[in-house]
Amino acid sequence: MATEPPAVAAGGGSTIPLREFLAGPGPRRLAAWVLGVSAFTALFAGSFLGALHRPRPHHVPIAVVAPTAAVATLQDRVNAVVPGGFALKPYDSAQRATTSLRDAGVDAVWIPPALPGAAPDDSAGRVAGLFTASALGAGQTQVIAQTFSGIGKAAGATVTVTDLVPLRAQDPFGISSFFFSVGVFFPSFLGSMVLALLLRRTPALATMAAILVLAVCVGLIDVAVADGGLGALVGHSGTLIGIGALTSLAFSAPTVAAVRLLRRLGAVLALLVFVVLGLPASGGPFGTAFLPAFHRAFSPGLPLTNAAYAVRNASYFGGHALAGHLGALALWAGAGLLVLGVIAMSEAATRPVQPTPSESSPPRNALASR
């Protein structure tokens, strides 16, 4: 009786006949794959679009050179225009306020006009000053300028706007810091995921060495492209290499550790934390101040957020306000390396000991001669 010849694949190898495939576990695996990808799509689209589809400011810190009582009154006016959008902080001098702006302590400085009637014959009394830092992002700076220019005009004042920390010509929208961090994130995360899944039998100590080398390479390459190649982030290459390497470790070390401990579940958890939640919670080009409450609750502790802010502060704000962001990255990297270190010690302790010839045992050739 003739049997059905095996199907031949386009590449020359044999494949399972369709009827045999349908009778086996293949359809269930395909269905599970489709359902898994569909679930990931729903989660990612919901998280990403939910975070960034309607950006609006939340508690953006603004320095106001005015007495506390006047700032409280102004806060009510600002809330009427953008509810909860800005958090005003009183300062006693313009110098202290602008210094705080240059040090990344606040996002803008507002010097209101004199109160009505205070200087009726002095036209200078009706001039308000707004000092911004477009290095924080062109979109955020535009929202601040529109809001406070409107408030100044409503009070009958002329508003002058001064950009104290301007963007570079090669970075006109202030998004290079974010995309530099993304350029570190994806190679580090995907590379470590592949390393952990495909080489899961590799000794943990060798894996640790591999991700350390990867971190240095990623930091060097990203800075070479951003600084030497494009000129988007210039003048702080040493600091940026360090931030890039630490950021790479903050993604790769926890990812490899999670997969080594939990296998596929660890890979899923890493994907959910770093991609589904972490990518939109970074705020993208808009920054975290424009995120909804859910994402703002998580963003300060996630590595991509801290990496983008660390790169921005190193590039534009003279390295001010770096400690907190670097500390968060170091915690992620250190936690992952610690787990891998424990796994490496456990492997060393359970590795079978190779027998060694005893000093009292006669030599092999002596036995053979008997």
Protein backbone atom coordinates (compact mmCIF):
# COMPACT_ATOMS: atom_id res chain seq x y z
CA MET A 1 0.00 0.00 0.00
CA ALA A 2 1.43 3.34 -1.05
CA THR A 3 2.12 5.81 1.69
CA GLU A 4 1.88 9.58 1.41
CA PRO A 5 5.35 11.00 0.79
CA PRO A 6 6.59 13.50 3.36
CA ALA A 7 6.09 17.14 2.51
CA VAL A 8 9.23 18.93 1.44
CA ALA A 9 9.99 22.40 2.70
CA ALA A 10 11.20 25.18 0.44
CA GLY A 11 14.63 24.95 2.02
CA GLY A 12 14.96 21.25 1.15
CA GLY A 13 14.13 19.75 4.59
CA SER A 14 11.06 17.62 5.30
CA THR A 15 8.08 19.03 7.19
CA ILE A 16 5.20 17.41 9.06
CA PRO A 17 2.17 16.68 6.83
CA LEU A 18 -0.77 18.98 7.51
CA ARG A 19 -3.09 16.23 8.80
CA GLU A 20 -0.45 14.98 11.21
CA PHE A 21 0.26 18.53 12.35
CA LEU A 22 -3.42 19.22 13.01
CA ALA A 23 -3.73 16.02 15.01
CA GLY A 24 -0.77 16.90 17.23
CA PRO A 25 0.00 19.67 19.75
CA GLY A 26 1.07 22.14 17.03
CA PRO A 27 -2.26 24.01 16.70
CA ARG A 28 -2.47 24.47 20.45
CA ARG A 29 1.05 25.93 20.49
CA LEU A 30 0.21 28.29 17.64
CA ALA A 31 -2.99 29.35 19.39
CA ALA A 32 -1.09 30.00 22.60
CA TRP A 33 1.48 32.05 20.68
CA VAL A 34 -1.21 34.14 18.99
CA LEU A 35 -3.01 34.70 22.28
CA GLY A 36 0.25 35.63 24.01
CA VAL A 37 1.24 38.16 21.35
CA SER A 38 -2.30 39.57 21.35
CA ALA A 39 -2.24 40.00 25.12
CA PHE A 40 1.14 41.72 24.93
CA THR A 41 -0.18 44.02 22.20
CA ALA A 42 -3.17 44.99 24.33
CA LEU A 43 -0.99 45.66 27.37
CA PHE A 44 1.64 47.63 25.47
CA ALA A 45 -0.85 49.69 23.45
CA GLY A 46 -2.93 50.42 26.53
CA SER A 47 0.09 51.44 28.59
CA PHE A 48 1.83 53.48 25.89
CA LEU A 49 -1.24 55.25 24.49
CA GLY A 50 -2.69 55.67 27.95
CA ALA A 51 0.46 57.46 29.05
CA LEU A 52 1.10 59.70 26.06
CA HIS A 53 -2.09 60.16 24.02
CA ARG A 54 -3.15 63.32 25.87
CA PRO A 55 -0.12 64.88 27.59
CA ARG A 56 -0.80 67.65 30.08
CA PRO A 57 1.41 69.08 32.85
CA HIS A 58 1.20 67.88 36.44
CA HIS A 59 2.87 69.77 39.31
CA VAL A 60 5.65 71.28 37.19
CA PRO A 61 7.88 73.19 39.67
CA ILE A 62 8.02 76.94 38.97
CA ALA A 63 10.03 79.44 41.03
CA VAL A 64 8.16 82.68 41.71
CA VAL A 65 10.02 85.74 43.00
CA ALA A 66 7.36 87.07 45.34
CA PRO A 67 6.20 86.85 48.97
CA THR A 68 4.54 83.63 50.07
CA ALA A 69 1.07 85.20 50.31
CA ALA A 70 1.31 86.57 46.76
CA VAL A 71 2.48 83.18 45.48
CA ALA A 72 -0.52 81.49 47.10
CA THR A 73 -2.85 83.92 45.31
CA LEU A 74 -1.04 83.33 42.03
CA GLN A 75 -1.29 79.57 42.54
CA ASP A 76 -5.08 79.89 42.61
CA ARG A 77 -5.02 81.81 39.33
CA VAL A 78 -2.75 79.25 37.69
CA ASN A 79 -4.94 76.38 38.90
CA ALA A 80 -7.93 78.05 37.30
CA VAL A 81 -6.11 77.96 33.95
CA VAL A 82 -4.35 74.56 34.23
CA PRO A 83 -5.73 72.62 37.23
CA GLY A 84 -2.86 70.92 39.05
CA GLY A 85 -0.47 71.70 36.24
CA PHE A 86 2.11 73.80 38.11
CA ALA A 87 3.53 73.88 41.65
CA LEU A 88 4.70 77.40 42.49
CA LYS A 89 7.60 77.89 44.93
CA PRO A 90 8.31 81.29 46.51
CA TYR A 91 11.85 82.71 46.22
CA ASP A 92 13.13 85.90 47.82
CA SER A 93 15.44 86.94 44.97
CA ALA A 94 15.71 86.56 41.22
CA GLN A 95 19.33 85.44 41.55
CA ARG A 96 18.46 82.49 43.78
CA ALA A 97 15.56 81.53 41.54
CA THR A 98 17.57 81.60 38.31
CA THR A 99 20.41 79.69 39.98
CA SER A 100 17.91 76.99 40.91
CA LEU A 101 16.76 76.87 37.29
CA ARG A 102 20.34 76.46 36.01
CA ASP A 103 20.89 73.68 38.56
CA ALA A 104 17.76 71.76 37.45
CA GLY A 105 15.98 72.54 40.71
CA VAL A 106 12.95 74.14 39.05
CA ASP A 107 11.63 74.19 35.49
CA ALA A 108 11.08 77.94 35.08
CA VAL A 109 11.22 81.26 36.96
CA TRP A 110 8.33 83.73 37.02
CA ILE A 111 8.85 87.31 38.16
CA PRO A 112 5.36 88.82 38.32
CA PRO A 113 4.59 92.49 37.66
CA ALA A 114 4.06 94.87 40.55
CA LEU A 115 0.64 94.78 42.12
CA PRO A 116 -1.91 97.13 40.51
CA GLY A 117 -1.62 100.61 41.96
CA ALA A 118 1.82 100.04 43.40
CA ALA A 119 3.56 102.06 40.70
CA PRO A 120 0.86 103.76 38.60
CA ASP A 121 3.27 106.11 36.79
CA ASP A 122 6.06 103.59 36.26
CA SER A 123 5.57 101.53 33.10
CA ALA A 124 8.38 99.20 34.20
CA GLY A 125 6.13 98.05 37.04
CA ARG A 126 3.88 96.32 34.52
CA VAL A 127 6.60 94.10 33.05
CA ALA A 128 6.72 90.43 34.02
CA GLY A 129 9.74 88.22 33.44
CA LEU A 130 9.68 84.53 32.55
CA PHE A 131 12.96 82.60 32.56
CA THR A 132 12.86 79.16 30.95
CA ALA A 133 15.22 76.27 30.17
CA SER A 134 14.40 74.81 26.78
CA ALA A 135 16.92 72.05 27.56
CA LEU A 136 14.09 70.48 29.57
CA GLY A 137 12.28 69.90 26.29
CA ALA A 138 10.76 72.13 23.64
CA GLY A 139 7.22 70.91 24.34
CA GLN A 140 7.37 71.55 28.08
CA THR A 141 8.95 74.97 27.58
CA GLN A 142 6.22 75.94 25.13
CA VAL A 143 3.46 74.96 27.57
CA ILE A 144 5.10 76.96 30.37
CA ALA A 145 5.58 80.01 28.14
CA GLN A 146 1.99 79.94 26.87
CA THR A 147 0.51 79.56 30.34
CA PHE A 148 2.45 82.32 32.07
CA SER A 149 2.39 84.70 29.12
CA GLY A 150 -1.38 84.42 29.23
CA ILE A 151 -1.43 85.07 32.96
CA GLY A 152 0.83 88.11 32.55
CA LYS A 153 -1.27 89.55 29.73
CA ALA A 154 -4.45 89.01 31.73
CA ALA A 155 -2.87 91.20 34.43
CA GLY A 156 -2.12 93.90 31.85
CA ALA A 157 1.64 93.25 31.86
CA THR A 158 4.19 92.86 29.11
CA VAL A 159 5.94 89.49 29.41
CA THR A 160 9.59 89.07 28.50
CA VAL A 161 10.83 85.50 28.01
CA THR A 162 14.49 84.58 28.48
CA ASP A 163 15.90 81.12 27.80
CA LEU A 164 18.65 80.53 30.38
CA VAL A 165 19.53 76.97 29.31
CA PRO A 166 18.98 76.83 25.55
CA LEU A 167 19.05 73.77 23.35
CA ARG A 168 21.87 73.10 20.92
CA ALA A 169 21.38 73.48 17.19
CA GLN A 170 21.89 69.72 16.75
CA ASP A 171 19.19 69.01 19.37
CA PRO A 172 16.46 71.56 18.56
CA PHE A 173 13.62 69.73 20.32
CA GLY A 174 15.53 68.47 23.36
CA ILE A 175 14.85 64.79 22.70
CA SER A 176 18.42 63.55 22.26
CA SER A 177 18.77 62.66 25.96
CA PHE A 178 15.73 60.40 25.82
CA PHE A 179 16.71 58.68 22.59
CA PHE A 180 20.30 58.26 23.78
CA SER A 181 18.86 56.30 26.72
CA VAL A 182 16.58 54.29 24.42
CA GLY A 183 19.65 53.52 22.30
CA VAL A 184 21.20 51.97 25.41
CA PHE A 185 18.01 50.28 26.57
CA PHE A 186 17.04 48.17 23.57
CA PRO A 187 20.45 46.59 22.78
CA SER A 188 21.08 45.90 26.46
CA PHE A 189 17.64 44.46 27.18
CA LEU A 190 17.31 42.38 23.99
CA GLY A 191 20.94 41.24 24.10
CA SER A 192 20.67 40.09 27.70
CA MET A 193 17.32 38.38 27.01
CA VAL A 194 18.85 36.38 24.16
CA LEU A 195 21.91 35.59 26.28
CA ALA A 196 19.78 34.40 29.19
CA LEU A 197 17.40 32.25 27.12
CA LEU A 198 19.77 30.71 24.59
CA LEU A 199 22.76 30.27 26.88
CA ARG A 200 20.94 29.40 30.07
CA ARG A 201 23.44 26.63 30.83
CA THR A 202 26.33 29.06 30.69
CA PRO A 203 27.96 29.54 34.11
CA ALA A 204 26.61 32.60 35.91
CA LEU A 205 30.13 33.97 36.36
CA ALA A 206 30.72 33.92 32.60
CA THR A 207 27.33 35.58 32.04
CA MET A 208 28.24 38.33 34.48
CA ALA A 209 31.49 38.96 32.60
CA ALA A 210 29.58 39.06 29.30
CA ILE A 211 27.06 41.69 30.42
CA LEU A 212 29.83 43.82 31.97
CA VAL A 213 31.66 43.83 28.65
CA LEU A 214 28.36 44.54 26.88
CA ALA A 215 27.72 47.53 29.16
CA VAL A 216 31.06 49.14 28.38
CA CYS A 217 30.65 48.54 24.65
CA VAL A 218 27.13 49.97 24.57
CA GLY A 219 28.18 53.07 26.51
CA LEU A 220 31.16 53.70 24.23
CA ILE A 221 29.21 53.18 21.01
CA ASP A 222 26.25 55.35 22.04
CA VAL A 223 28.51 58.24 22.99
CA ALA A 224 30.54 57.83 19.81
CA VAL A 225 27.34 58.19 17.77
CA ALA A 226 25.70 60.95 19.84
CA ASP A 227 28.86 63.03 20.31
CA GLY A 228 31.39 62.26 17.61
CA GLY A 229 28.95 61.17 14.91
CA LEU A 230 25.95 63.50 15.25
CA GLY A 231 27.04 66.21 17.69
CA ALA A 232 23.69 65.98 19.48
CA LEU A 233 25.23 65.58 22.95
CA VAL A 234 28.69 67.08 23.15
CA GLY A 235 31.24 68.07 25.75
CA HIS A 236 30.64 65.46 28.44
CA SER A 237 31.72 62.23 26.78
CA GLY A 238 33.37 60.68 29.85
CA THR A 239 30.31 61.21 32.03
CA LEU A 240 27.96 59.99 29.31
CA ILE A 241 29.99 56.80 28.79
CA GLY A 242 29.67 56.08 32.49
CA ILE A 243 25.92 56.78 32.47
CA GLY A 244 25.49 54.63 29.37
CA ALA A 245 27.39 51.70 30.88
CA LEU A 246 25.50 51.94 34.17
CA THR A 247 22.19 52.16 32.30
CA SER A 248 23.08 49.07 30.28
CA LEU A 249 23.79 47.13 33.47
CA ALA A 250 20.55 48.41 35.04
CA PHE A 251 18.65 46.59 32.28
CA SER A 252 20.83 43.58 31.49
CA ALA A 253 21.74 42.41 35.00
CA PRO A 254 18.14 42.21 36.37
CA THR A 255 16.91 40.66 33.10
CA VAL A 256 19.51 37.87 33.12
CA ALA A 257 18.99 37.31 36.85
CA ALA A 258 15.20 37.04 36.44
CA VAL A 259 15.52 34.53 33.60
CA ARG A 260 18.10 32.45 35.48
CA LEU A 261 15.81 32.27 38.51
CA LEU A 262 12.35 32.03 36.94
CA ARG A 263 13.03 30.88 33.36
CA ARG A 264 10.24 31.96 31.01
CA LEU A 265 8.30 33.67 33.78
CA GLY A 266 11.37 35.81 34.47
CA ALA A 267 11.53 36.81 30.81
CA VAL A 268 7.86 37.79 30.88
CA LEU A 269 8.33 39.83 34.06
CA ALA A 270 11.33 41.65 32.60
CA LEU A 271 9.34 42.42 29.45
CA LEU A 272 6.42 43.77 31.46
CA VAL A 273 8.54 45.93 33.76
CA PHE A 274 11.06 47.35 31.29
CA VAL A 275 8.99 47.55 28.09
CA VAL A 276 5.25 47.56 28.81
CA LEU A 277 5.54 49.79 31.88
CA GLY A 278 9.02 51.30 31.76
CA LEU A 279 9.02 52.69 28.23
CA PRO A 280 5.81 54.78 28.49
CA ALA A 281 6.46 55.65 32.15
CA SER A 282 9.64 57.43 31.08
CA GLY A 283 7.46 60.13 29.53
CA GLY A 284 9.14 59.86 26.16
CA PRO A 285 9.95 63.24 24.60
CA PHE A 286 7.41 64.97 26.88
CA GLY A 287 8.93 64.06 30.25
CA THR A 288 7.33 62.53 33.32
CA ALA A 289 5.50 65.72 34.34
CA PHE A 290 3.09 65.13 31.45
CA LEU A 291 2.14 61.57 32.43
CA PRO A 292 -1.12 60.47 34.08
CA ALA A 293 -1.08 59.56 37.76
CA PHE A 294 -0.61 55.80 37.27
CA HIS A 295 2.60 56.14 35.25
CA ARG A 296 3.93 59.00 37.39
CA ALA A 297 3.70 56.74 40.43
CA PHE A 298 6.18 54.26 38.91
CA SER A 299 8.40 56.47 36.75
CA PRO A 300 10.81 57.77 39.47
CA GLY A 301 12.03 54.26 40.25
CA LEU A 302 12.36 52.87 36.73
CA PRO A 303 15.75 52.81 34.98
CA LEU A 304 14.78 54.42 31.66
CA THR A 305 13.36 57.50 33.40
CA ASN A 306 16.49 57.96 35.50
CA ALA A 307 18.78 57.34 32.55
CA ALA A 308 17.11 60.01 30.40
CA TYR A 309 17.21 62.57 33.23
CA ALA A 310 20.83 61.73 34.08
CA VAL A 311 21.91 62.22 30.45
CA ARG A 312 20.00 65.50 30.22
CA ASN A 313 21.40 66.89 33.47
CA ALA A 314 24.95 65.90 32.52
CA SER A 315 24.64 67.44 29.06
CA TYR A 316 22.81 70.68 29.81
CA PHE A 317 22.81 71.38 33.55
CA GLY A 318 26.46 70.98 34.47
CA GLY A 319 25.97 67.62 36.16
CA HIS A 320 23.63 69.01 38.83
CA ALA A 321 20.92 66.75 40.31
CA LEU A 322 22.67 63.59 39.12
CA ALA A 323 23.06 61.65 42.37
CA GLY A 324 19.47 60.46 42.70
CA HIS A 325 19.23 59.24 39.11
CA LEU A 326 22.60 57.47 39.22
CA GLY A 327 21.64 55.91 42.54
CA ALA A 328 18.45 54.45 41.07
CA LEU A 329 20.38 52.98 38.13
CA ALA A 330 23.00 51.57 40.49
CA LEU A 331 20.28 49.87 42.58
CA TRP A 332 18.89 48.06 39.54
CA ALA A 333 22.34 47.04 38.32
CA GLY A 334 23.54 46.05 41.79
CA ALA A 335 20.46 43.96 42.54
CA GLY A 336 20.86 42.00 39.32
CA LEU A 337 24.59 41.46 39.80
CA LEU A 338 24.03 40.41 43.41
CA VAL A 339 21.56 37.72 42.37
CA LEU A 340 23.92 36.49 39.66
CA GLY A 341 26.77 36.46 42.17
CA VAL A 342 24.74 34.28 44.54
CA ILE A 343 23.90 31.94 41.65
CA ALA A 344 27.59 31.77 40.72
CA MET A 345 28.57 30.86 44.29
CA SER A 346 25.83 28.22 44.40
CA GLU A 347 27.13 26.73 41.15
CA ALA A 348 30.66 26.62 42.52
CA ALA A 349 29.48 24.93 45.72
CA THR A 350 27.52 22.21 43.91
CA ARG A 351 30.08 21.55 41.16
CA PRO A 352 31.44 17.97 41.51
CA VAL A 353 35.03 17.81 42.69
CA GLN A 354 37.41 16.09 40.26
CA PRO A 355 39.37 13.32 41.99
CA THR A 356 43.09 13.97 42.27
CA PRO A 357 45.77 11.30 42.58
CA SER A 358 46.71 10.66 46.19
CA GLU A 359 50.27 11.13 47.24
CA SER A 360 50.26 7.60 48.69
CA SER A 361 48.95 6.00 45.49
CA PRO A 362 51.61 4.34 43.40
CA PRO A 363 52.30 5.82 39.97
CA ARG A 364 50.31 4.37 37.04
CA ASN A 365 53.47 3.15 35.29
CA ALA A 366 54.58 1.39 38.45
CA LEU A 367 51.31 -0.56 38.54
CA ALA A 368 51.60 -1.39 34.87
CA SER A 369 55.08 -2.84 35.37
CA ARG A 370 53.91 -5.40 37.92
